[in-house]
Amino acid sequence: MKILSLCLYQWRGNNITEPKLLASAFELSSFGFFKRKAVQEWCVFISDTLVKRTNESQRQSVKENNYLCHVHNRFDNLACVAVCDSEYTPRVAFALLNKVMDDFNEIYENKLGKLEEYPFEQIGQLLTKFQDPNQVDKLSKIQRTLDETTIVLQDTIEKVLERGEKLENLVDRSEVLSMQSKQFYKTAKKHNSCCIIC
């Protein structure tokens, strides 16, 4: 599970005709050095396109190749896009998008469209923090714990069943031994009865 990019936009309001990229962060270490720039440009292009085609106050996820692009276009003229691999949990991705926009609003409340630049270093920190959804999402963490517990339980049940089979084999053997020992006793008694020495 991995997030490749996180882009925050100003969209709509203040006579904006194109989405304005306010801040972005990328995690492209899994790509070769010479491919990173192309992948980064692709992420920005996809993000721009999705922001334009997502209605206000709407969230959506779009599959592109092996990636899921999650976009949330909010009512406050902010939009945020996360490009993730297909294994990344959408619920956590949308929580990240909301967190980015909320944190941005805390810093630049009522200043959107009034400044030239909006330094927002927290976007990189959030991208790093949310790389492992189990660390930030309680439900994912609980699900992982349940999955691990299920595996342990299945393993334990298999061991009990193996042990049970072994016990059943021992019981069967003891019954066979018991019958054989009774037979041996009868045979020995019979043989010994003819050879009584006084």
Foldseek 3Di string as FASTA:
>chain_A
DAWAKKWKWQADDPPDPFTDTADMDGDDVVDDPVCSVVVVVVVVVVQRVVQVVADEQDWDWDDDPQWIKIKGHYPVRMIMIIIGGPVDDPVLVVVLRVVQVVVQCVVQPPCVPPDPHRDDPVNHVSNVQCRPVLRVPVVVVVVVVVVVVVVVVVVVVVVVVVVVVVVVVVVVVVVVVVVVVVVVVVVVCVVVVVVDDD
